[in-house]
C-alpha atoms as a PDB file:
ATOM      1  CA  MET A   1      27.759  -8.267  16.451  1.00  0.00           C
ATOM      2  CA  THR A   2      31.676  -8.055  15.402  1.00  0.00           C
ATOM      3  CA  ASP A   3      33.644  -6.028  12.773  1.00  0.00           C
ATOM      4  CA  GLU A   4      32.235  -2.890  10.963  1.00  0.00           C
ATOM      5  CA  GLU A   5      33.858  -1.709   7.938  1.00  0.00           C
ATOM      6  CA  ILE A   6      32.152   0.967   5.311  1.00  0.00           C
ATOM      7  CA  SER A   7      31.479   0.177   1.786  1.00  0.00           C
ATOM      8  CA  ALA A   8      32.577   2.435  -1.313  1.00  0.00           C
ATOM      9  CA  GLY A   9      29.064   3.310  -1.272  1.00  0.00           C
ATOM     10  CA  GLY A  10      28.432   4.453   2.400  1.00  0.00           C
ATOM     11  CA  SER A  11      26.877   1.183   3.694  1.00  0.00           C
ATOM     12  CA  ARG A  12      28.132   0.077   6.796  1.00  0.00           C
ATOM     13  CA  MET A  13      29.104  -3.671   6.474  1.00  0.00           C
ATOM     14  CA  PHE A  14      28.991  -6.112   9.507  1.00  0.00           C
ATOM     15  CA  ARG A  15      30.625  -9.640   9.797  1.00  0.00           C
ATOM     16  CA  HIS A  16      29.289 -11.458  12.360  1.00  0.00           C
ATOM     17  CA  GLU A  17      30.639 -14.534  14.297  1.00  0.00           C
ATOM     18  CA  PRO A  18      28.440 -17.362  16.065  1.00  0.00           C
ATOM     19  CA  SER A  19      28.492 -17.179  19.943  1.00  0.00           C
ATOM     20  CA  GLU A  20      30.505 -19.846  21.457  1.00  0.00           C
ATOM     21  CA  GLU A  21      27.428 -19.983  24.188  1.00  0.00           C
ATOM     22  CA  GLU A  22      24.955 -22.763  23.850  1.00  0.00           C
ATOM     23  CA  PRO A  23      21.700 -20.753  22.563  1.00  0.00           C
ATOM     24  CA  GLU A  24      18.536 -20.755  25.154  1.00  0.00           C
ATOM     25  CA  LEU A  25      15.457 -22.634  23.766  1.00  0.00           C
ATOM     26  CA  ALA A  26      12.427 -19.857  23.100  1.00  0.00           C
ATOM     27  CA  TRP A  27       8.751 -20.872  23.014  1.00  0.00           C
ATOM     28  CA  GLY A  28       6.030 -19.015  21.113  1.00  0.00           C
ATOM     29  CA  ASP A  29       4.351 -15.866  22.393  1.00  0.00           C
ATOM     30  CA  ALA A  30       0.407 -16.257  22.712  1.00  0.00           C
ATOM     31  CA  GLU A  31      -0.260 -12.844  22.277  1.00  0.00           C
ATOM     32  CA  LEU A  32       2.065 -11.746  19.597  1.00  0.00           C
ATOM     33  CA  ILE A  33       0.849 -14.601  17.332  1.00  0.00           C
ATOM     34  CA  GLU A  34      -2.359 -13.529  17.630  1.00  0.00           C
ATOM     35  CA  ALA A  35      -1.897 -10.146  16.751  1.00  0.00           C
ATOM     36  CA  VAL A  36       0.530 -11.073  13.811  1.00  0.00           C
ATOM     37  CA  SER A  37      -2.212 -13.922  12.484  1.00  0.00           C
ATOM     38  CA  ASP A  38      -5.179 -11.342  12.579  1.00  0.00           C
ATOM     39  CA  HIS A  39      -2.967  -8.468  10.995  1.00  0.00           C
ATOM     40  CA  VAL A  40      -1.925 -10.896   7.896  1.00  0.00           C
ATOM     41  CA  GLU A  41      -5.452 -12.313   7.501  1.00  0.00           C
ATOM     42  CA  ARG A  42      -6.732  -8.482   7.421  1.00  0.00           C
ATOM     43  CA  HIS A  43      -4.567  -7.410   4.649  1.00  0.00           C
ATOM     44  CA  VAL A  44      -3.141 -10.570   2.792  1.00  0.00           C
ATOM     45  CA  GLY A  45      -5.752 -13.585   3.102  1.00  0.00           C
ATOM     46  CA  PRO A  46      -6.812 -16.475   5.229  1.00  0.00           C
ATOM     47  CA  ILE A  47      -3.876 -18.378   6.865  1.00  0.00           C
ATOM     48  CA  GLU A  48      -3.599 -21.730   5.165  1.00  0.00           C
ATOM     49  CA  ARG A  49      -1.320 -23.363   8.224  1.00  0.00           C
ATOM     50  CA  VAL A  50       1.055 -22.100  10.284  1.00  0.00           C
ATOM     51  CA  LEU A  51       4.661 -24.043   9.822  1.00  0.00           C
ATOM     52  CA  HIS A  52       5.801 -24.437  13.544  1.00  0.00           C
ATOM     53  CA  GLU A  53       9.135 -24.643  14.768  1.00  0.00           C
ATOM     54  CA  VAL A  54       9.793 -27.719  16.805  1.00  0.00           C
ATOM     55  CA  VAL A  55      13.206 -26.585  18.428  1.00  0.00           C
ATOM     56  CA  SER A  56      13.580 -22.921  18.626  1.00  0.00           C
ATOM     57  CA  PRO A  57      17.218 -21.367  19.186  1.00  0.00           C
ATOM     58  CA  VAL A  58      17.163 -17.478  20.731  1.00  0.00           C
ATOM     59  CA  VAL A  59      13.455 -16.935  19.475  1.00  0.00           C
ATOM     60  CA  HIS A  60      10.619 -18.912  18.136  1.00  0.00           C
ATOM     61  CA  ILE A  61       9.815 -18.144  14.808  1.00  0.00           C
ATOM     62  CA  ASP A  62       6.647 -19.614  12.984  1.00  0.00           C
ATOM     63  CA  VAL A  63       5.869 -19.095   9.264  1.00  0.00           C
ATOM     64  CA  LEU A  64       2.215 -18.150   8.277  1.00  0.00           C
ATOM     65  CA  HIS A  65       1.187 -19.474   4.920  1.00  0.00           C
ATOM     66  CA  VAL A  66      -1.574 -17.885   2.918  1.00  0.00           C
ATOM     67  CA  ALA A  67      -2.352 -19.802  -0.429  1.00  0.00           C
ATOM     68  CA  PRO A  68      -3.140 -18.154  -3.799  1.00  0.00           C
ATOM     69  CA  SER A  69      -6.006 -16.570  -4.322  1.00  0.00           C
ATOM     70  CA  ASP A  70      -7.651 -14.816  -7.330  1.00  0.00           C
ATOM     71  CA  ASP A  71      -6.349 -11.446  -6.154  1.00  0.00           C
ATOM     72  CA  ARG A  72      -2.950 -12.522  -4.995  1.00  0.00           C
ATOM     73  CA  PRO A  73      -1.844 -15.714  -7.111  1.00  0.00           C
ATOM     74  CA  TRP A  74       0.884 -16.826  -5.363  1.00  0.00           C
ATOM     75  CA  HIS A  75       1.909 -18.295  -1.543  1.00  0.00           C
ATOM     76  CA  THR A  76       2.659 -15.664   0.783  1.00  0.00           C
ATOM     77  CA  LEU A  77       4.972 -16.611   3.774  1.00  0.00           C
ATOM     78  CA  VAL A  78       4.894 -13.796   6.806  1.00  0.00           C
ATOM     79  CA  THR A  79       7.570 -14.903   9.854  1.00  0.00           C
ATOM     80  CA  CYS A  80       5.772 -14.555  13.332  1.00  0.00           C
ATOM     81  CA  GLY A  81       7.961 -14.331  15.901  1.00  0.00           C
ATOM     82  CA  MET A  82      10.838 -12.152  15.129  1.00  0.00           C
ATOM     83  CA  SER A  83       9.363  -9.034  16.890  1.00  0.00           C
ATOM     84  CA  VAL A  84       9.133 -11.157  20.403  1.00  0.00           C
ATOM     85  CA  LYS A  85      12.100  -9.115  21.039  1.00  0.00           C
ATOM     86  CA  PRO A  86      13.271  -5.522  20.090  1.00  0.00           C
ATOM     87  CA  MET A  87      15.966  -5.323  17.768  1.00  0.00           C
ATOM     88  CA  LEU A  88      19.237  -3.011  18.770  1.00  0.00           C
ATOM     89  CA  ALA A  89      17.919  -0.620  16.044  1.00  0.00           C
ATOM     90  CA  PRO A  90      18.765   3.214  15.826  1.00  0.00           C
ATOM     91  CA  GLU A  91      15.157   4.054  16.867  1.00  0.00           C
ATOM     92  CA  ALA A  92      12.445   2.856  18.893  1.00  0.00           C
ATOM     93  CA  ASP A  93       9.884   2.622  15.696  1.00  0.00           C
ATOM     94  CA  ARG A  94      12.407   0.441  13.955  1.00  0.00           C
ATOM     95  CA  ALA A  95      12.825  -2.166  16.977  1.00  0.00           C
ATOM     96  CA  PHE A  96      10.119  -4.515  16.001  1.00  0.00           C
ATOM     97  CA  GLY A  97      10.221  -6.239  12.869  1.00  0.00           C
ATOM     98  CA  GLU A  98       8.753  -9.634  10.908  1.00  0.00           C
ATOM     99  CA  LEU A  99       9.475 -10.428   7.002  1.00  0.00           C
ATOM    100  CA  THR A 100       7.542 -11.625   4.125  1.00  0.00           C
ATOM    101  CA  LEU A 101       8.486 -13.311   0.885  1.00  0.00           C
ATOM    102  CA  ALA A 102       6.155 -14.751  -1.965  1.00  0.00           C
ATOM    103  CA  LEU A 103       6.328 -18.024  -4.059  1.00  0.00           C
ATOM    104  CA  PRO A 104       5.017 -18.486  -7.696  1.00  0.00           C
ATOM    105  CA  PRO A 105       1.710 -20.473  -7.353  1.00  0.00           C
ATOM    106  CA  ALA A 106       3.467 -23.509  -8.978  1.00  0.00           C
ATOM    107  CA  TRP A 107       6.160 -23.820  -6.071  1.00  0.00           C
ATOM    108  CA  PRO A 108       5.952 -27.380  -4.146  1.00  0.00           C
ATOM    109  CA  MET A 109       4.733 -26.650  -0.638  1.00  0.00           C
ATOM    110  CA  GLY A 110       4.536 -30.107   0.690  1.00  0.00           C
ATOM    111  CA  ASP A 111       6.703 -31.445   3.681  1.00  0.00           C
ATOM    112  CA  GLU A 112       7.735 -34.164   1.342  1.00  0.00           C
ATOM    113  CA  ASP A 113       8.719 -31.467  -1.264  1.00  0.00           C
ATOM    114  CA  TRP A 114      10.827 -29.046   1.421  1.00  0.00           C
ATOM    115  CA  LYS A 115      12.965 -31.995   1.923  1.00  0.00           C
ATOM    116  CA  ASP A 116      14.665 -31.082  -1.316  1.00  0.00           C
ATOM    117  CA  GLU A 117      16.844 -27.786  -0.204  1.00  0.00           C
ATOM    118  CA  ARG A 118      15.967 -26.128  -3.931  1.00  0.00           C
ATOM    119  CA  HIS A 119      12.398 -26.180  -2.655  1.00  0.00           C
ATOM    120  CA  TYR A 120      12.933 -25.384   1.098  1.00  0.00           C
ATOM    121  CA  TRP A 121      15.591 -22.661   0.755  1.00  0.00           C
ATOM    122  CA  PRO A 122      13.029 -19.739   0.979  1.00  0.00           C
ATOM    123  CA  MET A 123      11.697 -20.994   4.086  1.00  0.00           C
ATOM    124  CA  ARG A 124      15.144 -21.516   5.312  1.00  0.00           C
ATOM    125  CA  LEU A 125      16.273 -17.788   4.466  1.00  0.00           C
ATOM    126  CA  LEU A 126      13.007 -16.239   6.197  1.00  0.00           C
ATOM    127  CA  LYS A 127      13.848 -18.309   9.330  1.00  0.00           C
ATOM    128  CA  PHE A 128      17.486 -17.499   9.175  1.00  0.00           C
ATOM    129  CA  LEU A 129      16.909 -13.688   8.980  1.00  0.00           C
ATOM    130  CA  ALA A 130      14.186 -13.435  11.375  1.00  0.00           C
ATOM    131  CA  ARG A 131      16.578 -15.125  13.929  1.00  0.00           C
ATOM    132  CA  LEU A 132      19.861 -13.193  12.909  1.00  0.00           C
ATOM    133  CA  PRO A 133      19.456  -9.914  15.009  1.00  0.00           C
ATOM    134  CA  HIS A 134      18.448 -11.487  18.159  1.00  0.00           C
ATOM    135  CA  GLU A 135      21.232 -14.185  17.436  1.00  0.00           C
ATOM    136  CA  TYR A 136      23.945 -11.451  16.672  1.00  0.00           C
ATOM    137  CA  ASP A 137      22.733  -8.503  18.950  1.00  0.00           C
ATOM    138  CA  THR A 138      22.016  -6.372  16.054  1.00  0.00           C
ATOM    139  CA  TRP A 139      18.967  -4.985  13.711  1.00  0.00           C
ATOM    140  CA  LEU A 140      17.498  -5.368  10.093  1.00  0.00           C
ATOM    141  CA  GLY A 141      15.559  -2.674   8.622  1.00  0.00           C
ATOM    142  CA  ASN A 142      15.126  -1.484   5.080  1.00  0.00           C
ATOM    143  CA  GLY A 143      18.223  -1.306   2.599  1.00  0.00           C
ATOM    144  CA  HIS A 144      20.206  -3.994   4.530  1.00  0.00           C
ATOM    145  CA  THR A 145      21.899  -6.685   2.216  1.00  0.00           C
ATOM    146  CA  ILE A 146      22.690  -9.896   3.999  1.00  0.00           C
ATOM    147  CA  PRO A 147      25.032 -12.661   1.761  1.00  0.00           C
ATOM    148  CA  ASN A 148      24.825 -16.423   1.976  1.00  0.00           C
ATOM    149  CA  ASP A 149      28.117 -16.680   3.711  1.00  0.00           C
ATOM    150  CA  ASP A 150      31.150 -14.880   2.704  1.00  0.00           C
ATOM    151  CA  PRO A 151      31.911 -15.155  -0.071  1.00  0.00           C
ATOM    152  CA  PRO A 152      28.032 -15.712  -0.993  1.00  0.00           C
ATOM    153  CA  ARG A 153      27.261 -18.864  -2.265  1.00  0.00           C
ATOM    154  CA  PRO A 154      24.002 -20.139  -3.932  1.00  0.00           C
ATOM    155  CA  TYR A 155      20.944 -20.833  -1.772  1.00  0.00           C
ATOM    156  CA  ALA A 156      20.534 -24.337  -3.616  1.00  0.00           C
ATOM    157  CA  ARG A 157      20.985 -25.762  -6.565  1.00  0.00           C
ATOM    158  CA  GLY A 158      18.913 -24.862  -9.616  1.00  0.00           C
ATOM    159  CA  THR A 159      19.847 -20.970  -8.907  1.00  0.00           C
ATOM    160  CA  ARG A 160      22.452 -18.482  -8.507  1.00  0.00           C
ATOM    161  CA  LEU A 161      20.780 -16.130  -5.826  1.00  0.00           C
ATOM    162  CA  CYS A 162      23.020 -15.891  -3.121  1.00  0.00           C
ATOM    163  CA  GLY A 163      21.694 -13.013  -0.929  1.00  0.00           C
ATOM    164  CA  ALA A 164      19.030 -11.002   0.203  1.00  0.00           C
ATOM    165  CA  ILE A 165      17.841  -7.339   0.637  1.00  0.00           C
ATOM    166  CA  LEU A 166      15.455  -5.945   2.744  1.00  0.00           C
ATOM    167  CA  ALA A 167      12.709  -3.616   1.212  1.00  0.00           C
ATOM    168  CA  ALA A 168       9.135  -2.785   2.031  1.00  0.00           C
ATOM    169  CA  PRO A 169       6.746  -5.240   0.727  1.00  0.00           C
ATOM    170  CA  LEU A 170       5.417  -4.273  -2.863  1.00  0.00           C
ATOM    171  CA  LEU A 171       2.754  -7.499  -3.388  1.00  0.00           C
ATOM    172  CA  PRO A 172       0.323  -6.596  -0.057  1.00  0.00           C
ATOM    173  CA  PRO A 173      -1.251  -3.269   0.044  1.00  0.00           C
ATOM    174  CA  ASP A 174       0.454  -0.379   2.239  1.00  0.00           C
ATOM    175  CA  ALA A 175      -1.790  -1.227   5.499  1.00  0.00           C
ATOM    176  CA  PHE A 176       0.323  -4.364   6.110  1.00  0.00           C
ATOM    177  CA  ARG A 177       3.360  -2.769   6.250  1.00  0.00           C
ATOM    178  CA  VAL A 178       3.006  -1.860   9.889  1.00  0.00           C
ATOM    179  CA  LEU A 179       1.596  -3.274  12.862  1.00  0.00           C
ATOM    180  CA  ASP A 180       0.870  -0.630  15.478  1.00  0.00           C
ATOM    181  CA  ARG A 181       0.776  -2.193  18.785  1.00  0.00           C
ATOM    182  CA  PRO A 182       1.354  -0.731  22.512  1.00  0.00           C
ATOM    183  CA  GLU A 183       4.768  -2.019  22.907  1.00  0.00           C
ATOM    184  CA  GLY A 184       5.773  -0.553  19.507  1.00  0.00           C
ATOM    185  CA  PRO A 185       5.169  -0.768  15.995  1.00  0.00           C
ATOM    186  CA  ILE A 186       6.104  -3.753  13.769  1.00  0.00           C
ATOM    187  CA  ALA A 187       7.439  -3.134  10.510  1.00  0.00           C
ATOM    188  CA  PHE A 188       7.094  -5.560   7.734  1.00  0.00           C
ATOM    189  CA  TYR A 189       9.769  -6.297   5.301  1.00  0.00           C
ATOM    190  CA  GLY A 190       9.902  -8.013   2.192  1.00  0.00           C
ATOM    191  CA  VAL A 191      12.741  -9.897   1.274  1.00  0.00           C
ATOM    192  CA  LEU A 192      13.919 -10.077  -2.185  1.00  0.00           C
ATOM    193  CA  PRO A 193      16.867 -12.343  -2.939  1.00  0.00           C
ATOM    194  CA  LEU A 194      19.829 -10.933  -4.786  1.00  0.00           C
ATOM    195  CA  TYR A 195      22.650 -12.230  -6.888  1.00  0.00           C
ATOM    196  CA  ALA A 196      26.451 -11.243  -5.600  1.00  0.00           C
ATOM    197  CA  ALA A 197      26.541  -8.527  -8.375  1.00  0.00           C
ATOM    198  CA  GLU A 198      23.595  -7.046  -7.198  1.00  0.00           C
ATOM    199  CA  MET A 199      24.843  -6.699  -3.648  1.00  0.00           C
ATOM    200  CA  GLU A 200      28.116  -5.779  -4.787  1.00  0.00           C
ATOM    201  CA  LEU A 201      26.223  -2.662  -6.636  1.00  0.00           C
ATOM    202  CA  LYS A 202      24.640  -1.838  -3.390  1.00  0.00           C
ATOM    203  CA  LEU A 203      28.090  -1.798  -1.355  1.00  0.00           C
ATOM    204  CA  ALA A 204      29.548   0.295  -4.247  1.00  0.00           C
ATOM    205  CA  ASP A 205      26.711   2.864  -5.114  1.00  0.00           C
ATOM    206  CA  GLY A 206      24.179   2.672  -2.490  1.00  0.00           C
ATOM    207  CA  ALA A 207      20.410   0.809  -1.551  1.00  0.00           C
ATOM    208  CA  ASP A 208      18.929   3.360  -3.807  1.00  0.00           C
ATOM    209  CA  ALA A 209      20.711   2.550  -6.797  1.00  0.00           C
ATOM    210  CA  LEU A 210      20.005  -0.886  -6.660  1.00  0.00           C
ATOM    211  CA  TYR A 211      16.144  -0.321  -5.815  1.00  0.00           C
ATOM    212  CA  ASP A 212      16.349   1.462  -8.860  1.00  0.00           C
ATOM    213  CA  ARG A 213      17.281  -1.149 -11.152  1.00  0.00           C
ATOM    214  CA  LEU A 214      15.174  -3.622  -9.479  1.00  0.00           C
ATOM    215  CA  GLY A 215      12.047  -1.373  -9.533  1.00  0.00           C
ATOM    216  CA  ALA A 216      12.973  -0.728 -13.332  1.00  0.00           C
ATOM    217  CA  ALA A 217      13.017  -4.452 -13.687  1.00  0.00           C
ATOM    218  CA  GLY A 218      10.035  -5.341 -11.819  1.00  0.00           C
ATOM    219  CA  VAL A 219      11.766  -7.303  -9.144  1.00  0.00           C
ATOM    220  CA  THR A 220       9.677  -7.622  -6.008  1.00  0.00           C
ATOM    221  CA  GLU A 221       9.597 -10.237  -3.004  1.00  0.00           C
ATOM    222  CA  LEU A 222       7.719 -12.997  -5.557  1.00  0.00           C
ATOM    223  CA  VAL A 223      10.988 -15.548  -5.574  1.00  0.00           C
ATOM    224  CA  ASP A 224      12.229 -16.112  -9.059  1.00  0.00           C
ATOM    225  CA  PRO A 225      15.193 -18.726  -8.820  1.00  0.00           C
ATOM    226  CA  GLY A 226      16.133 -17.792 -12.457  1.00  0.00           C
ATOM    227  CA  ARG A 227      15.087 -14.498 -12.885  1.00  0.00           C
ATOM    228  CA  PRO A 228      17.114 -12.374 -15.103  1.00  0.00           C
ATOM    229  CA  GLY A 229      20.216 -10.037 -13.004  1.00  0.00           C
ATOM    230  CA  VAL A 230      19.883  -6.351 -12.796  1.00  0.00           C
ATOM    231  CA  VAL A 231      23.765  -5.709 -12.853  1.00  0.00           C
ATOM    232  CA  GLU A 232      26.344  -7.329 -15.428  1.00  0.00           C
ATOM    233  CA  GLU A 233      28.402  -9.931 -13.611  1.00  0.00           C
ATOM    234  CA  ARG A 234      31.422  -7.745 -14.798  1.00  0.00           C
ATOM    235  CA  ARG A 235      30.759  -5.681 -12.147  1.00  0.00           C
ATOM    236  CA  ARG A 236      31.600  -7.900  -9.711  1.00  0.00           C
ATOM    237  CA  ARG A 237      34.671  -6.955  -7.366  1.00  0.00           C
ATOM    238  CA  GLY A 238      35.148  -9.415  -4.637  1.00  0.00           C
ATOM    239  CA  LEU A 239      33.843  -7.048  -2.082  1.00  0.00           C
ATOM    240  CA  PHE A 240      32.996  -9.908   0.063  1.00  0.00           C
ATOM    241  CA  ARG A 241      35.926 -12.014  -0.178  1.00  0.00           C
ATOM    242  CA  ARG A 242      37.384 -12.353   2.955  1.00  0.00           C
ATOM    243  CA  ARG A 243      40.222  -9.885   4.161  1.00  0.00           C
END
């Protein structure tokens, strides 16, 4: 973790620099995989497949895929591995986390489809965020926004979404949000992709101001690459430009 700044809205801003050391490779934890998988199947639905990593620097991140159903007509993706180590959170009950987002039922989900970044970027985003706190000795939790580079750039062709905010997941039942276990509770955070102007609103006015607008517009962790923005572009003030 590197320099800390405070935004106009009181948000702590961190700028991370990659380590010069070669990251250690990691492998999955069988007990954690079983616990998270059981939790997902209990509250979301049967796991269609597990998207395994071949090479895992720092921590091993798998993604559990629950296919669309009549009750939940979207693909649900949940990370498994972020919680293998505690994050450097200010409170012990926020030290462990996993991430989730959803994709529309028609989203291309085949291995060949994912060779196209327009289809793969939500998966890449989950893996990047799940590894970030361990790679940079920091933590992630509700209200944290993470831009895609500095200044932020779109995740892929065909979308202007270029960052994300973490929030309590809105699509699964409330019981999904926390998995209790002896090592400490695992909190599950929804990943909501954002536009640059939306991230700047959060930095200027705070997370609650952005949550209010996202909620009023019905924005959830269900990815829509072309959704209308909830903040006018004229609000952009260049808060992410390097100083």
